Amino acid sequence: MNPVTLRNIPPAVARGIRIRAQKKRISLNRAVLELLEEAVGTGSGSRRSMLHPDLDELFGVWSPAEAAAFQESLAAQRGIDPELWK
């Protein structure tokens, strides 16, 4: 597709794009593309493909590494002590 130039982006929108790019450690261009994909419901990052997209903004989303670390920290708590079940 041909390049697209956006003009007169409101300051609040530009600030939101910059913040998203910084948080996700991605380029401004990638942040804008992700936002557009979410808005039209396409791409692998589509919020429509997520199970509960309405809660993500409230609670956040863990990366696979963060989820694995959490599961590992719970492993000891999930063990069954046979002495307690006699």
C-alpha atoms as a PDB file:
ATOM      1  CA  MET A   1       0.000   0.000   0.000  1.00  0.00           C
ATOM      2  CA  ASN A   2       1.135   3.547  -0.617  1.00  0.00           C
ATOM      3  CA  PRO A   3       2.336   5.564   2.367  1.00  0.00           C
ATOM      4  CA  VAL A   4      -0.306   7.561   4.185  1.00  0.00           C
ATOM      5  CA  THR A   5       0.341  10.943   5.772  1.00  0.00           C
ATOM      6  CA  LEU A   6      -1.783  12.011   8.716  1.00  0.00           C
ATOM      7  CA  ARG A   7      -2.154  15.710   9.422  1.00  0.00           C
ATOM      8  CA  ASN A   8      -3.636  17.676  12.292  1.00  0.00           C
ATOM      9  CA  ILE A   9      -3.457  14.833  14.792  1.00  0.00           C
ATOM     10  CA  PRO A  10      -4.920  16.192  18.047  1.00  0.00           C
ATOM     11  CA  PRO A  11      -2.275  16.569  20.777  1.00  0.00           C
ATOM     12  CA  ALA A  12      -4.061  14.127  23.089  1.00  0.00           C
ATOM     13  CA  VAL A  13      -4.119  11.459  20.353  1.00  0.00           C
ATOM     14  CA  ALA A  14      -0.438  12.019  19.522  1.00  0.00           C
ATOM     15  CA  ARG A  15       0.420  11.763  23.223  1.00  0.00           C
ATOM     16  CA  GLY A  16      -1.564   8.524  23.514  1.00  0.00           C
ATOM     17  CA  ILE A  17       0.276   7.016  20.547  1.00  0.00           C
ATOM     18  CA  ARG A  18       3.653   8.010  22.005  1.00  0.00           C
ATOM     19  CA  ILE A  19       2.743   6.534  25.399  1.00  0.00           C
ATOM     20  CA  ARG A  20       1.587   3.272  23.803  1.00  0.00           C
ATOM     21  CA  ALA A  21       4.792   3.027  21.760  1.00  0.00           C
ATOM     22  CA  GLN A  22       6.941   3.656  24.842  1.00  0.00           C
ATOM     23  CA  LYS A  23       5.052   1.147  27.005  1.00  0.00           C
ATOM     24  CA  LYS A  24       5.243  -1.574  24.373  1.00  0.00           C
ATOM     25  CA  ARG A  25       8.753  -0.547  23.282  1.00  0.00           C
ATOM     26  CA  ILE A  26       7.718  -0.308  19.650  1.00  0.00           C
ATOM     27  CA  SER A  27       8.011   2.382  16.995  1.00  0.00           C
ATOM     28  CA  LEU A  28       5.393   5.091  16.556  1.00  0.00           C
ATOM     29  CA  ASN A  29       4.584   3.602  13.158  1.00  0.00           C
ATOM     30  CA  ARG A  30       3.980   0.134  14.681  1.00  0.00           C
ATOM     31  CA  ALA A  31       1.827   1.680  17.440  1.00  0.00           C
ATOM     32  CA  VAL A  32      -0.337   3.460  14.866  1.00  0.00           C
ATOM     33  CA  LEU A  33      -0.650   0.271  12.791  1.00  0.00           C
ATOM     34  CA  GLU A  34      -1.697  -1.742  15.860  1.00  0.00           C
ATOM     35  CA  LEU A  35      -4.306   0.872  16.766  1.00  0.00           C
ATOM     36  CA  LEU A  36      -5.689   0.823  13.233  1.00  0.00           C
ATOM     37  CA  GLU A  37      -5.770  -2.997  13.190  1.00  0.00           C
ATOM     38  CA  GLU A  38      -7.649  -3.018  16.493  1.00  0.00           C
ATOM     39  CA  ALA A  39     -10.090  -0.405  15.254  1.00  0.00           C
ATOM     40  CA  VAL A  40     -11.015  -2.385  12.152  1.00  0.00           C
ATOM     41  CA  GLY A  41     -10.779  -5.810  13.814  1.00  0.00           C
ATOM     42  CA  THR A  42      -7.950  -7.279  11.760  1.00  0.00           C
ATOM     43  CA  GLY A  43      -4.479  -8.573  12.463  1.00  0.00           C
ATOM     44  CA  SER A  44      -3.135 -10.916  15.123  1.00  0.00           C
ATOM     45  CA  GLY A  45      -3.373  -8.177  17.749  1.00  0.00           C
ATOM     46  CA  SER A  46      -7.081  -7.681  17.190  1.00  0.00           C
ATOM     47  CA  ARG A  47      -8.936  -7.070  20.423  1.00  0.00           C
ATOM     48  CA  ARG A  48     -11.977  -8.759  18.872  1.00  0.00           C
ATOM     49  CA  SER A  49     -10.087 -12.054  18.831  1.00  0.00           C
ATOM     50  CA  MET A  50      -9.376 -11.860  22.561  1.00  0.00           C
ATOM     51  CA  LEU A  51     -11.549 -13.706  25.054  1.00  0.00           C
ATOM     52  CA  HIS A  52     -12.340 -10.758  27.350  1.00  0.00           C
ATOM     53  CA  PRO A  53     -11.026  -7.547  25.787  1.00  0.00           C
ATOM     54  CA  ASP A  54     -13.199  -5.414  28.040  1.00  0.00           C
ATOM     55  CA  LEU A  55     -11.210  -6.415  31.150  1.00  0.00           C
ATOM     56  CA  ASP A  56      -7.718  -6.007  29.705  1.00  0.00           C
ATOM     57  CA  GLU A  57      -7.763  -2.243  30.140  1.00  0.00           C
ATOM     58  CA  LEU A  58      -8.670  -2.634  33.815  1.00  0.00           C
ATOM     59  CA  PHE A  59      -6.389  -5.479  34.791  1.00  0.00           C
ATOM     60  CA  GLY A  60      -3.644  -5.551  32.172  1.00  0.00           C
ATOM     61  CA  VAL A  61      -2.211  -8.482  30.300  1.00  0.00           C
ATOM     62  CA  TRP A  62       0.787 -10.630  31.234  1.00  0.00           C
ATOM     63  CA  SER A  63       3.449 -11.587  28.768  1.00  0.00           C
ATOM     64  CA  PRO A  64       4.075 -15.337  28.375  1.00  0.00           C
ATOM     65  CA  ALA A  65       7.234 -14.983  30.492  1.00  0.00           C
ATOM     66  CA  GLU A  66       5.346 -13.194  33.279  1.00  0.00           C
ATOM     67  CA  ALA A  67       2.598 -15.832  33.250  1.00  0.00           C
ATOM     68  CA  ALA A  68       5.163 -18.655  33.412  1.00  0.00           C
ATOM     69  CA  ALA A  69       6.964 -16.990  36.338  1.00  0.00           C
ATOM     70  CA  PHE A  70       3.658 -16.629  38.192  1.00  0.00           C
ATOM     71  CA  GLN A  71       2.741 -20.268  37.593  1.00  0.00           C
ATOM     72  CA  GLU A  72       6.181 -21.335  38.806  1.00  0.00           C
ATOM     73  CA  SER A  73       5.784 -19.313  42.003  1.00  0.00           C
ATOM     74  CA  LEU A  74       2.481 -21.098  42.700  1.00  0.00           C
ATOM     75  CA  ALA A  75       3.875 -24.595  42.161  1.00  0.00           C
ATOM     76  CA  ALA A  76       4.922 -25.021  45.805  1.00  0.00           C
ATOM     77  CA  GLN A  77       1.486 -23.956  47.038  1.00  0.00           C
ATOM     78  CA  ARG A  78      -0.244 -26.496  44.810  1.00  0.00           C
ATOM     79  CA  GLY A  79       1.570 -29.449  46.311  1.00  0.00           C
ATOM     80  CA  ILE A  80      -0.404 -31.795  48.560  1.00  0.00           C
ATOM     81  CA  ASP A  81       1.065 -32.697  51.929  1.00  0.00           C
ATOM     82  CA  PRO A  82       0.042 -36.325  52.604  1.00  0.00           C
ATOM     83  CA  GLU A  83       0.456 -35.772  56.359  1.00  0.00           C
ATOM     84  CA  LEU A  84      -2.382 -33.239  56.355  1.00  0.00           C
ATOM     85  CA  TRP A  85      -4.790 -35.668  54.673  1.00  0.00           C
ATOM     86  CA  LYS A  86      -4.590 -38.609  57.087  1.00  0.00           C
END
